[in-house]
Amino acid sequence: MSAAVDLRLTNADIESMPEDGNRYEVIDGELFVSSAPSYVHQMILGRILRLIGNYLDRNPIGSIVAGIGVIFDEYTGVIPDLVFASKERLRKILGGGRFQAAPEIAIEILSPGPSNQRRDRHAKRNLYAARGVEEYWLFDPESRTLEVYRRDPAGELVSQGSLLGDDPLTSPVLPGFSAPVSRFFE
C-alpha cells in the first residue's frame, strides 16, 4: 500500500526561496521563475504607471500598484507586473500587505522566451479568469502591441483584440480613461 504524496508547492515554500533577483510564483502548486526584468520592460511599466496614475490623480477611484503579491490560496500566489483595484475592492482584498483576492485589472508585460509566454498567455490568463479579474492587459514589447481580455458573462477572459499604434486603450473599469497604445511604448 502506498500513500499519496502532494508534490505541489505552496506559498509558504515560495516565501523560503532565496533573495536572488528572481521572481518566484506558484500557480496551482506549479513553480514559475522569472529573471529580473529588462530595461525595456521597466520603461513600459513606468509609462503605464504614469499614464494611469495621472488619470487616477484626476479621478481618485482606486490605486495602481507595481509588483504586489496576490495570494489566492495555499497553492497559488503570483506577482503581476501591475494591478488596479478600486477603493471598494481594495478594502475587501488587502490583507497583510498583499492582495488576498483578485484586483479588477491585472497587467503583465511579456518577457522573451517560451516559458514566459506560456506563463503569461495561458497559466496566468486562466488563473485570472478563474479568480475573478475583470480585465487582463498583456503588453508585448517586441510587437509593441497590447492584448486586452475582458470578463464575459460566463466568467471567461475573452480577447478584445490586439491594439497598436494610435489605437486607444479604454476600459469600463477606468471610466473616461483613454490613451493611444503607442504612448506606452515611447
N, C-alpha and C. Protein backbone atom coordinates (compact mmCIF):
# COMPACT_ATOMS: atom_id res chain seq x y z
N MET A 1 0.84 -1.17 0.00
CA MET A 1 0.00 0.00 0.00
C MET A 1 0.89 1.24 0.00
N SER A 2 0.60 2.15 -0.89
CA SER A 2 1.40 3.37 -0.97
C SER A 2 0.54 4.56 -0.58
N ALA A 3 1.19 5.54 0.01
CA ALA A 3 0.50 6.77 0.42
C ALA A 3 0.64 7.80 -0.69
N ALA A 4 -0.44 8.51 -0.93
CA ALA A 4 -0.40 9.58 -1.92
C ALA A 4 0.39 10.76 -1.35
N VAL A 5 1.24 11.33 -2.16
CA VAL A 5 2.06 12.46 -1.74
C VAL A 5 1.71 13.66 -2.61
N ASP A 6 1.41 14.78 -1.97
CA ASP A 6 1.11 16.01 -2.71
C ASP A 6 2.42 16.74 -2.95
N LEU A 7 2.87 16.78 -4.20
CA LEU A 7 4.15 17.40 -4.54
C LEU A 7 4.00 18.85 -5.00
N ARG A 8 2.81 19.40 -4.85
CA ARG A 8 2.61 20.78 -5.24
C ARG A 8 3.30 21.70 -4.25
N LEU A 9 3.88 22.77 -4.78
CA LEU A 9 4.49 23.79 -3.93
C LEU A 9 3.41 24.69 -3.36
N THR A 10 3.72 25.29 -2.22
CA THR A 10 2.79 26.20 -1.57
C THR A 10 3.40 27.61 -1.53
N ASN A 11 2.58 28.55 -1.14
CA ASN A 11 3.09 29.91 -0.95
C ASN A 11 4.13 29.95 0.16
N ALA A 12 3.99 29.09 1.17
CA ALA A 12 5.00 29.00 2.23
C ALA A 12 6.34 28.57 1.65
N ASP A 13 6.31 27.63 0.69
CA ASP A 13 7.56 27.22 0.03
C ASP A 13 8.18 28.39 -0.72
N ILE A 14 7.35 29.17 -1.38
CA ILE A 14 7.84 30.32 -2.16
C ILE A 14 8.48 31.35 -1.23
N GLU A 15 7.88 31.55 -0.04
CA GLU A 15 8.43 32.51 0.92
C GLU A 15 9.85 32.14 1.33
N SER A 16 10.20 30.85 1.26
CA SER A 16 11.53 30.41 1.68
C SER A 16 12.55 30.41 0.53
N MET A 17 12.13 30.83 -0.65
CA MET A 17 13.05 30.89 -1.78
C MET A 17 14.11 31.98 -1.53
N PRO A 18 15.28 31.81 -2.15
CA PRO A 18 16.35 32.79 -1.91
C PRO A 18 16.04 34.16 -2.51
N GLU A 19 16.61 35.17 -1.91
CA GLU A 19 16.53 36.53 -2.45
C GLU A 19 17.65 36.66 -3.48
N ASP A 20 17.38 36.20 -4.70
CA ASP A 20 18.42 36.13 -5.72
C ASP A 20 18.11 36.97 -6.96
N GLY A 21 17.13 37.85 -6.86
CA GLY A 21 16.77 38.70 -8.00
C GLY A 21 15.74 38.07 -8.91
N ASN A 22 15.39 36.80 -8.70
CA ASN A 22 14.35 36.15 -9.49
C ASN A 22 13.00 36.37 -8.83
N ARG A 23 11.96 36.24 -9.65
CA ARG A 23 10.59 36.34 -9.16
C ARG A 23 10.03 34.92 -9.15
N TYR A 24 9.58 34.48 -7.98
CA TYR A 24 9.02 33.14 -7.82
C TYR A 24 7.51 33.25 -7.65
N GLU A 25 6.78 32.49 -8.45
CA GLU A 25 5.33 32.45 -8.37
C GLU A 25 4.91 30.98 -8.38
N VAL A 26 3.73 30.72 -7.83
CA VAL A 26 3.20 29.37 -7.83
C VAL A 26 1.73 29.43 -8.26
N ILE A 27 1.40 28.61 -9.25
CA ILE A 27 0.03 28.54 -9.75
C ILE A 27 -0.41 27.09 -9.65
N ASP A 28 -1.39 26.85 -8.78
CA ASP A 28 -1.88 25.50 -8.50
C ASP A 28 -0.73 24.55 -8.19
N GLY A 29 0.22 25.04 -7.41
CA GLY A 29 1.33 24.23 -6.97
C GLY A 29 2.50 24.13 -7.93
N GLU A 30 2.37 24.70 -9.14
CA GLU A 30 3.46 24.66 -10.13
C GLU A 30 4.31 25.92 -10.00
N LEU A 31 5.62 25.72 -9.92
CA LEU A 31 6.55 26.83 -9.77
C LEU A 31 6.84 27.50 -11.11
N PHE A 32 6.82 28.84 -11.08
CA PHE A 32 7.21 29.64 -12.23
C PHE A 32 8.28 30.61 -11.75
N VAL A 33 9.42 30.65 -12.45
CA VAL A 33 10.53 31.51 -12.07
C VAL A 33 10.81 32.48 -13.21
N SER A 34 10.92 33.75 -12.88
CA SER A 34 11.27 34.78 -13.87
C SER A 34 12.53 35.48 -13.41
N SER A 35 13.37 35.81 -14.38
CA SER A 35 14.57 36.59 -14.04
C SER A 35 14.19 38.06 -13.89
N ALA A 36 15.13 38.83 -13.42
CA ALA A 36 14.89 40.26 -13.25
C ALA A 36 14.44 40.87 -14.57
N PRO A 37 13.51 41.82 -14.52
CA PRO A 37 13.01 42.43 -15.75
C PRO A 37 14.05 43.27 -16.45
N SER A 38 13.87 43.43 -17.76
CA SER A 38 14.80 44.20 -18.59
C SER A 38 14.50 45.70 -18.48
N TYR A 39 15.40 46.48 -19.03
CA TYR A 39 15.23 47.93 -19.10
C TYR A 39 13.94 48.29 -19.83
N VAL A 40 13.71 47.68 -21.00
CA VAL A 40 12.51 47.99 -21.79
C VAL A 40 11.25 47.64 -20.99
N HIS A 41 11.27 46.49 -20.36
CA HIS A 41 10.14 46.06 -19.53
C HIS A 41 9.82 47.13 -18.48
N GLN A 42 10.84 47.59 -17.78
CA GLN A 42 10.64 48.56 -16.72
C GLN A 42 10.24 49.95 -17.24
N MET A 43 10.72 50.30 -18.43
CA MET A 43 10.31 51.57 -19.03
C MET A 43 8.82 51.54 -19.36
N ILE A 44 8.36 50.43 -19.92
CA ILE A 44 6.93 50.29 -20.23
C ILE A 44 6.12 50.34 -18.93
N LEU A 45 6.58 49.62 -17.92
CA LEU A 45 5.90 49.63 -16.63
C LEU A 45 5.78 51.05 -16.09
N GLY A 46 6.85 51.82 -16.18
CA GLY A 46 6.83 53.21 -15.72
C GLY A 46 5.83 54.05 -16.49
N ARG A 47 5.75 53.84 -17.78
CA ARG A 47 4.80 54.62 -18.60
C ARG A 47 3.36 54.27 -18.24
N ILE A 48 3.09 52.98 -18.02
CA ILE A 48 1.74 52.57 -17.61
C ILE A 48 1.39 53.24 -16.28
N LEU A 49 2.32 53.16 -15.33
CA LEU A 49 2.09 53.79 -14.03
C LEU A 49 1.82 55.28 -14.17
N ARG A 50 2.62 55.95 -15.00
CA ARG A 50 2.47 57.40 -15.16
C ARG A 50 1.13 57.75 -15.80
N LEU A 51 0.78 57.08 -16.91
CA LEU A 51 -0.44 57.42 -17.62
C LEU A 51 -1.69 57.12 -16.80
N ILE A 52 -1.72 55.95 -16.18
CA ILE A 52 -2.90 55.61 -15.37
C ILE A 52 -2.86 56.40 -14.05
N GLY A 53 -1.67 56.62 -13.51
CA GLY A 53 -1.55 57.43 -12.30
C GLY A 53 -2.07 58.84 -12.51
N ASN A 54 -1.76 59.45 -13.65
CA ASN A 54 -2.28 60.78 -13.96
C ASN A 54 -3.80 60.77 -14.03
N TYR A 55 -4.36 59.74 -14.66
CA TYR A 55 -5.83 59.58 -14.71
C TYR A 55 -6.39 59.48 -13.29
N LEU A 56 -5.74 58.66 -12.44
CA LEU A 56 -6.24 58.46 -11.08
C LEU A 56 -6.08 59.70 -10.22
N ASP A 57 -5.11 60.56 -10.52
CA ASP A 57 -5.00 61.84 -9.80
C ASP A 57 -6.25 62.69 -10.05
N ARG A 58 -6.76 62.64 -11.27
CA ARG A 58 -7.95 63.41 -11.64
C ARG A 58 -9.24 62.68 -11.26
N ASN A 59 -9.16 61.36 -11.18
CA ASN A 59 -10.33 60.51 -10.91
C ASN A 59 -9.96 59.51 -9.81
N PRO A 60 -9.96 59.91 -8.57
CA PRO A 60 -9.45 59.05 -7.49
C PRO A 60 -10.39 57.88 -7.15
N ILE A 61 -10.46 56.93 -8.06
CA ILE A 61 -11.38 55.80 -7.89
C ILE A 61 -10.68 54.55 -7.35
N GLY A 62 -9.35 54.56 -7.29
CA GLY A 62 -8.62 53.39 -6.83
C GLY A 62 -7.13 53.61 -6.95
N SER A 63 -6.40 52.49 -6.96
CA SER A 63 -4.94 52.56 -7.00
C SER A 63 -4.36 51.60 -8.02
N ILE A 64 -3.25 52.02 -8.63
CA ILE A 64 -2.47 51.11 -9.47
C ILE A 64 -1.14 50.89 -8.74
N VAL A 65 -0.75 49.63 -8.64
CA VAL A 65 0.42 49.26 -7.85
C VAL A 65 1.27 48.27 -8.64
N ALA A 66 2.58 48.43 -8.54
CA ALA A 66 3.51 47.53 -9.21
C ALA A 66 3.98 46.44 -8.25
N GLY A 67 4.08 45.22 -8.78
CA GLY A 67 4.76 44.12 -8.11
C GLY A 67 4.21 43.67 -6.77
N ILE A 68 2.93 43.80 -6.54
CA ILE A 68 2.35 43.35 -5.28
C ILE A 68 1.96 41.87 -5.38
N GLY A 69 2.17 41.15 -4.30
CA GLY A 69 1.78 39.75 -4.28
C GLY A 69 0.27 39.61 -4.22
N VAL A 70 -0.25 38.65 -4.99
CA VAL A 70 -1.67 38.32 -4.98
C VAL A 70 -1.75 36.86 -4.56
N ILE A 71 -2.21 36.62 -3.34
CA ILE A 71 -2.28 35.28 -2.78
C ILE A 71 -3.73 34.80 -2.88
N PHE A 72 -3.97 33.82 -3.75
CA PHE A 72 -5.32 33.33 -3.96
C PHE A 72 -5.67 32.18 -3.00
N ASP A 73 -4.70 31.33 -2.73
CA ASP A 73 -4.90 30.22 -1.80
C ASP A 73 -3.54 29.64 -1.45
N GLU A 74 -3.51 28.56 -0.72
CA GLU A 74 -2.25 27.97 -0.27
C GLU A 74 -1.32 27.61 -1.42
N TYR A 75 -1.88 27.23 -2.56
CA TYR A 75 -1.08 26.74 -3.68
C TYR A 75 -0.95 27.74 -4.83
N THR A 76 -1.48 28.93 -4.66
CA THR A 76 -1.47 29.89 -5.77
C THR A 76 -1.19 31.30 -5.27
N GLY A 77 -0.03 31.81 -5.67
CA GLY A 77 0.35 33.18 -5.37
C GLY A 77 1.20 33.72 -6.51
N VAL A 78 0.81 34.87 -7.05
CA VAL A 78 1.51 35.45 -8.20
C VAL A 78 1.88 36.90 -7.89
N ILE A 79 2.74 37.43 -8.74
CA ILE A 79 3.16 38.82 -8.62
C ILE A 79 2.98 39.47 -10.00
N PRO A 80 1.78 39.98 -10.29
CA PRO A 80 1.60 40.66 -11.57
C PRO A 80 2.51 41.88 -11.66
N ASP A 81 2.84 42.28 -12.89
CA ASP A 81 3.66 43.48 -13.05
C ASP A 81 2.95 44.68 -12.44
N LEU A 82 1.65 44.80 -12.72
CA LEU A 82 0.84 45.90 -12.17
C LEU A 82 -0.57 45.38 -11.91
N VAL A 83 -1.23 46.00 -10.94
CA VAL A 83 -2.64 45.72 -10.71
C VAL A 83 -3.37 47.03 -10.46
N PHE A 84 -4.64 47.06 -10.83
CA PHE A 84 -5.51 48.16 -10.46
C PHE A 84 -6.62 47.58 -9.60
N ALA A 85 -6.88 48.25 -8.48
CA ALA A 85 -8.01 47.89 -7.63
C ALA A 85 -8.75 49.16 -7.25
N SER A 86 -10.06 49.12 -7.36
CA SER A 86 -10.88 50.25 -6.94
C SER A 86 -10.80 50.37 -5.42
N LYS A 87 -11.16 51.54 -4.90
CA LYS A 87 -11.15 51.75 -3.46
C LYS A 87 -12.02 50.71 -2.76
N GLU A 88 -13.18 50.44 -3.34
CA GLU A 88 -14.10 49.47 -2.74
C GLU A 88 -13.48 48.07 -2.68
N ARG A 89 -12.91 47.63 -3.79
CA ARG A 89 -12.32 46.29 -3.81
C ARG A 89 -11.08 46.23 -2.92
N LEU A 90 -10.30 47.29 -2.92
CA LEU A 90 -9.09 47.33 -2.10
C LEU A 90 -9.41 47.08 -0.63
N ARG A 91 -10.50 47.67 -0.13
CA ARG A 91 -10.90 47.46 1.26
C ARG A 91 -11.20 45.98 1.54
N LYS A 92 -11.66 45.26 0.54
CA LYS A 92 -12.05 43.86 0.71
C LYS A 92 -10.90 42.88 0.54
N ILE A 93 -9.89 43.24 -0.28
CA ILE A 93 -8.89 42.22 -0.66
C ILE A 93 -7.51 42.44 -0.07
N LEU A 94 -7.24 43.59 0.51
CA LEU A 94 -5.91 43.87 1.04
C LEU A 94 -5.79 43.30 2.45
N GLY A 95 -4.78 42.47 2.64
CA GLY A 95 -4.55 41.89 3.96
C GLY A 95 -3.09 41.49 4.10
N GLY A 96 -2.47 41.88 5.18
CA GLY A 96 -1.08 41.53 5.40
C GLY A 96 -0.14 42.11 4.36
N GLY A 97 -0.52 43.25 3.77
CA GLY A 97 0.34 43.90 2.78
C GLY A 97 0.24 43.30 1.39
N ARG A 98 -0.63 42.33 1.20
CA ARG A 98 -0.80 41.68 -0.11
C ARG A 98 -2.28 41.61 -0.42
N PHE A 99 -2.56 41.34 -1.68
CA PHE A 99 -3.94 41.10 -2.08
C PHE A 99 -4.28 39.65 -1.75
N GLN A 100 -5.46 39.45 -1.19
CA GLN A 100 -5.94 38.11 -0.85
C GLN A 100 -7.01 37.63 -1.83
N ALA A 101 -7.27 38.41 -2.86
CA ALA A 101 -8.25 38.07 -3.90
C ALA A 101 -7.91 38.92 -5.12
N ALA A 102 -8.70 38.77 -6.15
CA ALA A 102 -8.40 39.39 -7.45
C ALA A 102 -8.62 40.90 -7.46
N PRO A 103 -7.68 41.62 -8.10
CA PRO A 103 -7.93 43.03 -8.42
C PRO A 103 -8.84 43.10 -9.64
N GLU A 104 -9.31 44.29 -9.96
CA GLU A 104 -10.13 44.42 -11.18
C GLU A 104 -9.30 44.23 -12.44
N ILE A 105 -8.10 44.80 -12.48
CA ILE A 105 -7.24 44.70 -13.67
C ILE A 105 -5.90 44.13 -13.26
N ALA A 106 -5.45 43.11 -13.98
CA ALA A 106 -4.09 42.57 -13.84
C ALA A 106 -3.35 42.90 -15.13
N ILE A 107 -2.12 43.38 -15.00
CA ILE A 107 -1.34 43.82 -16.15
C ILE A 107 0.00 43.09 -16.14
N GLU A 108 0.33 42.48 -17.26
CA GLU A 108 1.63 41.82 -17.43
C GLU A 108 2.32 42.40 -18.66
N ILE A 109 3.63 42.49 -18.58
CA ILE A 109 4.47 42.90 -19.70
C ILE A 109 5.28 41.67 -20.08
N LEU A 110 5.08 41.17 -21.30
CA LEU A 110 5.72 39.94 -21.72
C LEU A 110 7.24 40.05 -21.69
N SER A 111 7.86 39.00 -21.19
CA SER A 111 9.30 38.85 -21.27
C SER A 111 9.59 37.81 -22.33
N PRO A 112 10.76 37.90 -22.99
CA PRO A 112 11.06 36.94 -24.06
C PRO A 112 11.19 35.52 -23.51
N GLY A 113 10.92 34.56 -24.39
CA GLY A 113 11.11 33.16 -24.05
C GLY A 113 9.81 32.38 -23.96
N PRO A 114 9.84 31.12 -24.40
CA PRO A 114 8.62 30.30 -24.42
C PRO A 114 8.01 30.06 -23.05
N SER A 115 8.82 29.90 -22.01
CA SER A 115 8.24 29.65 -20.69
C SER A 115 7.52 30.90 -20.17
N ASN A 116 8.06 32.08 -20.46
CA ASN A 116 7.39 33.32 -20.07
C ASN A 116 6.09 33.50 -20.84
N GLN A 117 6.11 33.18 -22.13
CA GLN A 117 4.91 33.27 -22.95
C GLN A 117 3.82 32.32 -22.42
N ARG A 118 4.22 31.09 -22.11
CA ARG A 118 3.25 30.10 -21.61
C ARG A 118 2.66 30.57 -20.30
N ARG A 119 3.50 31.06 -19.41
CA ARG A 119 3.02 31.53 -18.10
C ARG A 119 2.02 32.67 -18.26
N ASP A 120 2.38 33.72 -19.02
CA ASP A 120 1.54 34.90 -19.11
C ASP A 120 0.32 34.70 -20.02
N ARG A 121 0.51 34.06 -21.15
CA ARG A 121 -0.60 33.91 -22.11
C ARG A 121 -1.60 32.83 -21.70
N HIS A 122 -1.14 31.84 -20.97
CA HIS A 122 -2.04 30.72 -20.66
C HIS A 122 -2.27 30.56 -19.16
N ALA A 123 -1.21 30.25 -18.41
CA ALA A 123 -1.38 29.95 -16.99
C ALA A 123 -1.99 31.14 -16.23
N LYS A 124 -1.44 32.32 -16.43
CA LYS A 124 -1.96 33.48 -15.69
C LYS A 124 -3.33 33.92 -16.21
N ARG A 125 -3.51 33.89 -17.50
CA ARG A 125 -4.84 34.28 -18.03
C ARG A 125 -5.91 33.35 -17.48
N ASN A 126 -5.66 32.04 -17.49
CA ASN A 126 -6.64 31.09 -16.94
C ASN A 126 -6.85 31.32 -15.45
N LEU A 127 -5.77 31.56 -14.73
CA LEU A 127 -5.87 31.84 -13.30
C LEU A 127 -6.71 33.08 -13.06
N TYR A 128 -6.39 34.16 -13.74
CA TYR A 128 -7.11 35.41 -13.53
C TYR A 128 -8.59 35.27 -13.89
N ALA A 129 -8.88 34.51 -14.92
CA ALA A 129 -10.29 34.27 -15.28
C ALA A 129 -11.00 33.51 -14.16
N ALA A 130 -10.37 32.46 -13.67
CA ALA A 130 -10.98 31.63 -12.63
C ALA A 130 -11.18 32.38 -11.32
N ARG A 131 -10.33 33.37 -11.07
CA ARG A 131 -10.36 34.06 -9.77
C ARG A 131 -11.07 35.41 -9.79
N GLY A 132 -11.63 35.82 -10.93
CA GLY A 132 -12.49 37.00 -10.94
C GLY A 132 -11.89 38.31 -11.39
N VAL A 133 -10.71 38.28 -12.02
CA VAL A 133 -10.16 39.52 -12.58
C VAL A 133 -11.09 39.98 -13.70
N GLU A 134 -11.39 41.27 -13.72
CA GLU A 134 -12.31 41.82 -14.73
C GLU A 134 -11.61 42.01 -16.08
N GLU A 135 -10.36 42.47 -16.04
CA GLU A 135 -9.61 42.71 -17.27
C GLU A 135 -8.17 42.25 -17.08
N TYR A 136 -7.62 41.74 -18.17
CA TYR A 136 -6.21 41.33 -18.19
C TYR A 136 -5.58 42.00 -19.38
N TRP A 137 -4.54 42.80 -19.13
CA TRP A 137 -3.82 43.51 -20.20
C TRP A 137 -2.46 42.86 -20.34
N LEU A 138 -2.10 42.54 -21.56
CA LEU A 138 -0.83 41.88 -21.85
C LEU A 138 -0.06 42.72 -22.86
N PHE A 139 0.95 43.43 -22.37
CA PHE A 139 1.78 44.29 -23.22
C PHE A 139 2.90 43.45 -23.83
N ASP A 140 3.10 43.58 -25.13
CA ASP A 140 4.16 42.85 -25.83
C ASP A 140 5.18 43.85 -26.36
N PRO A 141 6.33 43.99 -25.67
CA PRO A 141 7.33 44.97 -26.11
C PRO A 141 7.88 44.70 -27.50
N GLU A 142 7.97 43.44 -27.87
CA GLU A 142 8.55 43.09 -29.16
C GLU A 142 7.67 43.56 -30.32
N SER A 143 6.37 43.31 -30.25
CA SER A 143 5.46 43.71 -31.33
C SER A 143 4.83 45.08 -31.07
N ARG A 144 5.11 45.64 -29.88
CA ARG A 144 4.55 46.94 -29.49
C ARG A 144 3.02 46.92 -29.57
N THR A 145 2.45 45.83 -29.07
CA THR A 145 1.00 45.67 -29.06
C THR A 145 0.51 45.45 -27.64
N LEU A 146 -0.77 45.63 -27.47
CA LEU A 146 -1.44 45.38 -26.20
C LEU A 146 -2.63 44.47 -26.48
N GLU A 147 -2.65 43.32 -25.83
CA GLU A 147 -3.79 42.41 -25.91
C GLU A 147 -4.66 42.69 -24.70
N VAL A 148 -5.95 42.92 -24.94
CA VAL A 148 -6.89 43.20 -23.86
C VAL A 148 -7.88 42.05 -23.77
N TYR A 149 -8.04 41.54 -22.55
CA TYR A 149 -9.01 40.48 -22.28
C TYR A 149 -9.99 41.01 -21.25
N ARG A 150 -11.29 40.77 -21.50
CA ARG A 150 -12.33 41.22 -20.56
C ARG A 150 -13.22 40.03 -20.20
N ARG A 151 -13.69 40.06 -18.97
CA ARG A 151 -14.56 39.01 -18.46
C ARG A 151 -15.90 39.04 -19.20
N ASP A 152 -16.32 37.87 -19.66
CA ASP A 152 -17.63 37.75 -20.30
C ASP A 152 -18.63 37.21 -19.28
N PRO A 153 -19.91 37.11 -19.63
CA PRO A 153 -20.92 36.63 -18.66
C PRO A 153 -20.65 35.21 -18.14
N ALA A 154 -19.92 34.41 -18.90
CA ALA A 154 -19.60 33.05 -18.46
C ALA A 154 -18.38 33.02 -17.53
N GLY A 155 -17.75 34.18 -17.30
CA GLY A 155 -16.60 34.25 -16.41
C GLY A 155 -15.26 34.03 -17.09
N GLU A 156 -15.25 33.95 -18.41
CA GLU A 156 -14.01 33.78 -19.16
C GLU A 156 -13.41 35.14 -19.48
N LEU A 157 -12.08 35.18 -19.56
CA LEU A 157 -11.41 36.39 -20.05
C LEU A 157 -11.26 36.23 -21.55
N VAL A 158 -12.03 37.01 -22.30
CA VAL A 158 -12.13 36.89 -23.74
C VAL A 158 -11.36 38.01 -24.41
N SER A 159 -10.61 37.66 -25.44
CA SER A 159 -9.82 38.66 -26.15
C SER A 159 -10.71 39.72 -26.78
N GLN A 160 -10.30 40.96 -26.58
CA GLN A 160 -10.96 42.09 -27.24
C GLN A 160 -10.14 42.53 -28.44
N GLY A 161 -9.08 41.77 -28.73
CA GLY A 161 -8.21 42.07 -29.85
C GLY A 161 -6.89 42.66 -29.39
N SER A 162 -6.02 42.87 -30.36
CA SER A 162 -4.73 43.49 -30.11
C SER A 162 -4.77 44.94 -30.55
N LEU A 163 -4.26 45.81 -29.71
CA LEU A 163 -4.20 47.23 -30.02
C LEU A 163 -2.77 47.61 -30.33
N LEU A 164 -2.60 48.54 -31.26
CA LEU A 164 -1.27 49.04 -31.58
C LEU A 164 -1.34 50.46 -32.09
N GLY A 165 -0.19 51.11 -32.12
CA GLY A 165 -0.11 52.46 -32.68
C GLY A 165 -1.06 53.43 -32.01
N ASP A 166 -1.91 54.06 -32.82
CA ASP A 166 -2.84 55.07 -32.32
C ASP A 166 -4.14 54.49 -31.79
N ASP A 167 -4.28 53.14 -31.78
CA ASP A 167 -5.49 52.54 -31.20
C ASP A 167 -5.61 53.00 -29.75
N PRO A 168 -6.80 53.45 -29.34
CA PRO A 168 -6.94 53.91 -27.97
C PRO A 168 -7.20 52.76 -26.99
N LEU A 169 -6.53 52.80 -25.86
CA LEU A 169 -6.85 51.90 -24.77
C LEU A 169 -7.90 52.58 -23.91
N THR A 170 -9.03 51.95 -23.78
CA THR A 170 -10.10 52.41 -22.89
C THR A 170 -10.51 51.22 -22.03
N SER A 171 -11.23 51.50 -20.98
CA SER A 171 -11.66 50.43 -20.09
C SER A 171 -12.91 50.84 -19.34
N PRO A 172 -13.91 49.96 -19.28
CA PRO A 172 -15.07 50.26 -18.45
C PRO A 172 -14.72 50.33 -16.96
N VAL A 173 -13.62 49.72 -16.58
CA VAL A 173 -13.18 49.78 -15.18
C VAL A 173 -12.60 51.15 -14.85
N LEU A 174 -12.08 51.84 -15.86
CA LEU A 174 -11.49 53.17 -15.70
C LEU A 174 -12.28 54.17 -16.55
N PRO A 175 -13.47 54.55 -16.12
CA PRO A 175 -14.33 55.42 -16.93
C PRO A 175 -13.64 56.72 -17.33
N GLY A 176 -13.65 57.00 -18.64
CA GLY A 176 -13.05 58.23 -19.14
C GLY A 176 -11.57 58.13 -19.44
N PHE A 177 -10.93 57.02 -19.09
CA PHE A 177 -9.52 56.86 -19.42
C PHE A 177 -9.38 56.50 -20.89
N SER A 178 -8.43 57.13 -21.57
CA SER A 178 -8.12 56.81 -22.95
C SER A 178 -6.69 57.25 -23.24
N ALA A 179 -5.93 56.34 -23.84
CA ALA A 179 -4.56 56.67 -24.24
C ALA A 179 -4.19 55.83 -25.45
N PRO A 180 -3.55 56.45 -26.46
CA PRO A 180 -3.09 55.65 -27.60
C PRO A 180 -2.03 54.65 -27.12
N VAL A 181 -2.10 53.44 -27.63
CA VAL A 181 -1.19 52.38 -27.22
C VAL A 181 0.27 52.80 -27.43
N SER A 182 0.54 53.56 -28.48
CA SER A 182 1.92 53.98 -28.75
C SER A 182 2.54 54.73 -27.57
N ARG A 183 1.74 55.41 -26.76
CA ARG A 183 2.27 56.17 -25.62
C ARG A 183 2.94 55.26 -24.59
N PHE A 184 2.50 54.01 -24.51
CA PHE A 184 3.09 53.08 -23.55
C PHE A 184 4.45 52.55 -24.00
N PHE A 185 4.73 52.69 -25.29
CA PHE A 185 5.96 52.13 -25.85
C PHE A 185 6.95 53.20 -26.27
N GLU A 186 6.69 54.48 -26.04
CA GLU A 186 7.57 55.58 -26.48
C GLU A 186 8.93 55.47 -25.84
